[in-house]
């Protein structure tokens, strides 16, 4: 009987120790997140420095990306409007906005995979919150997005499209994008630091998602019977909550529910993985 009581006591102590260690990991992860946001000026500087180094020696700097995006939008706009038999005036603004927004989503997913490995020297030499590197990726992609907004402005000006006050409803969607971007960098940055062959797989999946998401084609082209299957594509909901208000297109409650649900799931999975992997990232990079 005493043996049974001892065994039960040891089991209870082990469970308590496990819960305490998990609680400690949560505490350290929260501290990392809070400390990272307190160093937002450093993250902003690093993100701006990334942009400057990326286009160092270039005459136009990041505006080369703007020009290439504009040329692609113009070429695809006239081509696919002829193929889909759609009026250019109705299709080109949709394509310009969709292409610029998708460019941000694709870039943030791809660069999230290297969020920690590209900062290997800093991580190994300086004790710094990992959240700083997540914000760094977010900052440089927001800067690139800001440059590409010029394409949208030019296309809207050519076709005399003026977004109404409904365009401000895109701000909550952009906030969701920012939160999702941090979550993506935390989970993909840590996961790809451990498994280096994941990034090519992620890029391939994003290439497929590009064609499966209404970026070059409009949702209504699927027809009422097939359009409901877009609810299975989380990128559609995330894209629509920002694109719809700017195009004065009403957003359904189902779209908001889908976007919030997928974002909540992403944040939960990201946090669970970051809590467990945070202490090992230094050894993985």
Protein backbone atom coordinates (compact mmCIF):
# COMPACT_ATOMS: atom_id res chain seq x y z
CA UNK A 1 0.00 0.00 0.00
CA UNK A 2 2.86 2.34 0.85
CA UNK A 3 4.44 1.52 -2.53
CA UNK A 4 1.22 2.48 -4.30
CA UNK A 5 1.04 5.76 -2.36
CA UNK A 6 4.70 6.52 -3.21
CA UNK A 7 4.10 5.77 -6.87
CA UNK A 8 1.03 8.02 -6.92
CA UNK A 9 2.99 10.78 -5.18
CA UNK A 10 5.83 10.57 -7.69
CA UNK A 11 3.37 10.62 -10.59
CA UNK A 12 1.69 13.70 -9.10
CA UNK A 13 5.06 15.44 -8.73
CA UNK A 14 5.97 14.67 -12.34
CA UNK A 15 2.65 16.05 -13.59
CA UNK A 16 3.12 19.18 -11.48
CA UNK A 17 6.64 19.59 -12.82
CA UNK A 18 5.37 19.19 -16.38
CA UNK A 19 2.67 21.78 -15.86
CA UNK A 20 5.15 24.18 -14.26
CA UNK A 21 7.66 23.76 -17.10
CA UNK A 22 4.91 24.38 -19.65
CA UNK A 23 3.81 27.40 -17.65
CA UNK A 24 7.39 28.65 -17.62
CA UNK A 25 7.62 28.24 -21.39
CA UNK A 26 4.43 30.24 -21.80
CA UNK A 27 5.83 32.96 -19.53
CA UNK A 28 9.07 33.17 -21.49
CA UNK A 29 7.15 33.28 -24.78
CA UNK A 30 4.94 36.11 -23.48
CA UNK A 31 8.04 37.96 -22.29
CA UNK A 32 9.61 37.49 -25.71
CA UNK A 33 6.51 38.91 -27.40
CA UNK A 34 6.25 41.90 -25.07
CA UNK A 35 9.98 42.65 -25.20
CA UNK A 36 9.95 42.37 -28.99
CA UNK A 37 7.20 44.97 -29.37
CA UNK A 38 9.01 47.26 -26.94
CA UNK A 39 11.95 47.17 -29.36
CA UNK A 40 9.77 48.22 -32.30
CA UNK A 41 12.18 51.03 -33.20
CA UNK A 42 14.98 48.51 -33.64
CA UNK A 43 12.73 46.27 -35.75
CA UNK A 44 11.69 49.26 -37.86
CA UNK A 45 15.33 50.21 -38.42
CA UNK A 46 16.28 46.64 -39.37
CA UNK A 47 13.38 46.39 -41.81
CA UNK A 48 14.28 49.71 -43.44
CA UNK A 49 17.93 48.64 -43.61
CA UNK A 50 16.88 45.42 -45.39
CA UNK A 51 15.14 47.47 -48.08
CA UNK A 52 18.16 49.73 -48.52
CA UNK A 53 20.58 46.80 -48.75
CA UNK A 54 18.31 44.88 -51.13
CA UNK A 55 18.35 47.75 -53.65
CA UNK A 56 21.83 49.07 -52.93
CA UNK A 57 23.44 50.42 -56.08
CA UNK A 58 20.09 50.60 -57.89
CA UNK A 59 19.06 53.90 -59.48
CA UNK A 60 15.34 53.56 -58.70
CA UNK A 61 15.61 51.42 -55.58
CA UNK A 62 12.40 49.62 -54.61
CA UNK A 63 10.54 51.41 -57.40
CA UNK A 64 11.94 48.76 -59.75
CA UNK A 65 9.47 46.43 -58.02
CA UNK A 66 6.72 49.00 -58.61
CA UNK A 67 7.56 49.26 -62.30
CA UNK A 68 7.66 45.48 -62.77
CA UNK A 69 4.32 45.14 -60.97
CA UNK A 70 2.80 47.86 -63.14
CA UNK A 71 4.04 46.25 -66.36
CA UNK A 72 2.71 42.86 -65.28
CA UNK A 73 -0.68 44.30 -64.31
CA UNK A 74 -0.97 46.13 -67.62
CA UNK A 75 0.04 43.09 -69.69
CA UNK A 76 -2.16 40.61 -67.84
CA UNK A 77 -5.04 43.08 -67.68
CA UNK A 78 -5.41 43.49 -71.43
CA UNK A 79 -4.67 39.80 -72.10
CA UNK A 80 -7.11 38.28 -69.63
CA UNK A 81 -9.83 40.85 -70.27
CA UNK A 82 -9.76 39.62 -73.88
CA UNK A 83 -9.66 35.96 -72.87
CA UNK A 84 -12.44 36.30 -70.28
CA UNK A 85 -14.34 38.73 -72.51
CA UNK A 86 -14.53 41.31 -69.70
CA UNK A 87 -14.50 45.08 -70.05
CA UNK A 88 -10.99 46.41 -69.35
CA UNK A 89 -12.37 49.28 -67.28
CA UNK A 90 -14.01 46.83 -64.89
CA UNK A 91 -11.24 44.23 -64.85
CA UNK A 92 -7.97 46.17 -64.72
CA UNK A 93 -8.63 47.97 -61.38
CA UNK A 94 -9.65 44.62 -59.86
CA UNK A 95 -6.48 42.97 -61.17
CA UNK A 96 -4.19 45.81 -60.06
CA UNK A 97 -5.53 45.77 -56.50
CA UNK A 98 -5.58 41.97 -56.31
CA UNK A 99 -2.05 41.60 -57.70
CA UNK A 100 -0.55 44.13 -55.28
CA UNK A 101 -2.31 42.64 -52.26
CA UNK A 102 -1.40 39.09 -53.26
CA UNK A 103 2.20 40.17 -53.75
CA UNK A 104 2.29 41.11 -50.07
CA UNK A 105 0.71 37.82 -48.96
CA UNK A 106 3.05 35.71 -51.08
CA UNK A 107 6.12 37.66 -49.96
CA UNK A 108 5.27 37.51 -46.25
CA UNK A 109 4.71 33.74 -46.41
CA UNK A 110 7.93 33.13 -48.32
CA UNK A 111 10.10 35.42 -46.19
CA UNK A 112 8.57 34.10 -42.97
CA UNK A 113 10.42 30.84 -43.65
CA UNK A 114 13.75 32.65 -43.39
CA UNK A 115 12.81 35.03 -40.58
CA UNK A 116 15.32 33.47 -38.15
CA UNK A 117 17.86 31.77 -40.41
CA UNK A 118 18.70 35.03 -42.21
CA UNK A 119 19.45 36.59 -38.81
CA UNK A 120 21.65 33.71 -37.68
CA UNK A 121 24.65 35.92 -36.88
CA UNK A 122 22.60 38.26 -34.68
CA UNK A 123 20.77 35.42 -32.91
CA UNK A 124 24.02 33.63 -32.09
CA UNK A 125 25.88 36.71 -30.87
CA UNK A 126 23.23 38.89 -29.19
CA UNK A 127 20.47 37.89 -26.80
CA UNK A 128 17.39 39.42 -28.41
CA UNK A 129 13.64 38.61 -28.49
CA UNK A 130 12.76 36.53 -31.54
CA UNK A 131 9.69 38.71 -32.04
CA UNK A 132 12.00 41.50 -33.20
CA UNK A 133 12.90 39.46 -36.29
CA UNK A 134 9.21 38.77 -36.96
CA UNK A 135 8.42 42.48 -36.85
CA UNK A 136 11.45 43.09 -39.07
CA UNK A 137 9.97 40.88 -41.81
CA UNK A 138 6.60 42.59 -41.41
CA UNK A 139 8.12 46.08 -41.67
CA UNK A 140 10.07 45.48 -44.86
CA UNK A 141 7.09 43.89 -46.60
CA UNK A 142 4.82 46.75 -45.55
CA UNK A 143 7.38 49.16 -47.05
CA UNK A 144 7.38 47.17 -50.31
CA UNK A 145 3.56 47.17 -50.29
CA UNK A 146 3.54 50.95 -49.81
CA UNK A 147 5.67 51.36 -52.95
CA UNK A 148 3.34 49.15 -54.98
CA UNK A 149 0.30 51.16 -53.94
CA UNK A 150 1.42 53.61 -56.64
CA UNK A 151 0.28 51.05 -59.24
CA UNK A 152 -3.22 51.00 -57.75
CA UNK A 153 -3.36 54.79 -57.60
CA UNK A 154 -2.37 55.12 -61.28
CA UNK A 155 -4.87 52.50 -62.49
CA UNK A 156 -7.69 53.97 -60.40
CA UNK A 157 -6.85 57.46 -61.69
CA UNK A 158 -6.86 56.32 -65.33
CA UNK A 159 -10.31 54.75 -64.98
CA UNK A 160 -11.57 57.52 -62.66
CA UNK A 161 -12.37 55.22 -59.77
CA UNK A 162 -12.71 56.94 -56.42
CA UNK A 163 -13.16 54.62 -53.42
CA UNK A 164 -15.89 55.73 -51.05
CA UNK A 165 -15.87 55.91 -47.29
CA UNK A 166 -16.34 52.12 -47.31
CA UNK A 167 -12.61 51.88 -48.11
CA UNK A 168 -11.87 52.62 -44.45
CA UNK A 169 -13.46 49.25 -43.66
CA UNK A 170 -10.29 47.71 -45.10
CA UNK A 171 -8.34 48.94 -42.05
CA UNK A 172 -9.59 46.13 -39.74
CA UNK A 173 -8.63 43.66 -42.46
CA UNK A 174 -5.14 45.13 -42.66
CA UNK A 175 -4.82 44.82 -38.89
CA UNK A 176 -5.72 41.14 -39.20
CA UNK A 177 -3.06 40.82 -41.89
CA UNK A 178 -0.44 42.33 -39.58
CA UNK A 179 -1.34 39.93 -36.76
CA UNK A 180 -1.29 36.98 -39.15
CA UNK A 181 2.08 38.10 -40.50
CA UNK A 182 3.61 37.98 -37.01
CA UNK A 183 2.04 34.57 -36.40
CA UNK A 184 3.35 33.25 -39.73
CA UNK A 185 6.90 34.42 -39.08
CA UNK A 186 6.93 32.83 -35.63
CA UNK A 187 5.73 29.43 -36.79
CA UNK A 188 7.39 29.23 -40.22
CA UNK A 189 10.57 30.91 -39.02
CA UNK A 190 11.05 28.33 -36.27
CA UNK A 191 9.81 25.35 -38.30
CA UNK A 192 11.97 26.13 -41.33
CA UNK A 193 14.98 26.71 -39.08
CA UNK A 194 14.58 23.10 -37.96
CA UNK A 195 13.67 21.67 -41.37
CA UNK A 196 15.43 23.61 -44.13
CA UNK A 197 13.62 21.83 -46.98
CA UNK A 198 10.22 23.23 -45.99
CA UNK A 199 10.65 26.60 -47.69
CA UNK A 200 10.62 25.24 -51.28
CA UNK A 201 7.48 23.30 -50.42
CA UNK A 202 5.83 26.43 -49.03
CA UNK A 203 6.74 28.39 -52.18
CA UNK A 204 5.24 25.66 -54.36
CA UNK A 205 2.03 25.66 -52.32
CA UNK A 206 1.77 29.45 -52.64
CA UNK A 207 2.18 29.14 -56.40
CA UNK A 208 -0.78 26.76 -56.51
CA UNK A 209 -2.79 28.98 -54.16
CA UNK A 210 -2.19 31.93 -56.51
CA UNK A 211 -4.08 30.20 -59.31
CA UNK A 212 -6.75 28.79 -56.98
CA UNK A 213 -7.49 32.20 -55.42
CA UNK A 214 -9.45 34.88 -57.31
CA UNK A 215 -6.54 37.16 -58.12
CA UNK A 216 -6.50 37.04 -61.92
CA UNK A 217 -10.14 35.97 -62.14
CA UNK A 218 -13.26 37.22 -60.41
CA UNK A 219 -15.23 35.03 -57.96
CA UNK A 220 -18.48 35.42 -59.92
CA UNK A 221 -16.85 33.75 -62.94
CA UNK A 222 -17.16 30.43 -61.14
CA UNK A 223 -20.93 30.66 -61.14
CA UNK A 224 -23.28 30.41 -58.14
CA UNK A 225 -22.91 26.61 -57.88
CA UNK A 226 -19.11 26.64 -57.55
CA UNK A 227 -18.58 30.00 -55.88
CA UNK A 228 -19.49 28.57 -52.49
CA UNK A 229 -16.39 26.37 -52.60
CA UNK A 230 -14.27 29.51 -52.19
CA UNK A 231 -15.11 29.30 -48.49
CA UNK A 232 -12.62 26.42 -48.32
CA UNK A 233 -9.83 28.78 -49.42
CA UNK A 234 -8.59 30.86 -46.45
CA UNK A 235 -6.66 33.17 -48.79
CA UNK A 236 -9.90 34.24 -50.44
CA UNK A 237 -11.44 35.45 -47.17
CA UNK A 238 -8.26 37.27 -46.13
CA UNK A 239 -7.92 38.89 -49.54
CA UNK A 240 -11.57 39.89 -49.75
CA UNK A 241 -11.77 41.69 -46.39
CA UNK A 242 -9.20 44.20 -47.70
CA UNK A 243 -10.00 44.20 -51.41
CA UNK A 244 -13.79 44.37 -51.13
CA UNK A 245 -14.10 47.68 -49.24
CA UNK A 246 -11.65 49.42 -51.59
CA UNK A 247 -13.64 48.26 -54.62
CA UNK A 248 -16.92 49.27 -52.92
CA UNK A 249 -17.95 45.62 -52.89
CA UNK A 250 -20.03 44.44 -49.91
CA UNK A 251 -18.41 41.83 -47.64
CA UNK A 252 -20.63 39.02 -46.41
CA UNK A 253 -20.69 37.93 -42.78
CA UNK A 254 -19.48 34.49 -43.89
CA UNK A 255 -16.34 36.07 -45.36
CA UNK A 256 -15.57 37.87 -42.09
CA UNK A 257 -16.25 34.72 -40.09
CA UNK A 258 -13.95 32.73 -42.37
CA UNK A 259 -11.17 35.32 -42.14
CA UNK A 260 -11.40 35.64 -38.37
CA UNK A 261 -11.66 31.87 -37.90
CA UNK A 262 -8.62 31.07 -40.05
CA UNK A 263 -6.63 33.86 -38.38
CA UNK A 264 -7.55 32.65 -34.90
CA UNK A 265 -6.55 29.09 -35.82
CA UNK A 266 -3.25 30.31 -37.27
CA UNK A 267 -2.47 32.32 -34.12
CA UNK A 268 -3.28 29.39 -31.82
CA UNK A 269 -1.13 26.94 -33.78
CA UNK A 270 1.68 29.47 -34.09
CA UNK A 271 1.65 30.23 -30.37
CA UNK A 272 1.58 26.54 -29.38
CA UNK A 273 4.56 25.79 -31.62
CA UNK A 274 6.51 28.91 -30.62
CA UNK A 275 6.06 28.17 -26.91
CA UNK A 276 7.65 24.74 -27.35
CA UNK A 277 10.28 25.66 -29.95
CA UNK A 278 11.44 29.04 -28.67
CA UNK A 279 14.26 27.68 -26.49
CA UNK A 280 15.66 25.62 -29.39
CA UNK A 281 15.66 28.17 -32.18
CA UNK A 282 19.17 29.35 -31.30
CA UNK A 283 20.47 25.80 -31.80
CA UNK A 284 18.56 25.30 -35.07
CA UNK A 285 19.69 28.39 -36.98
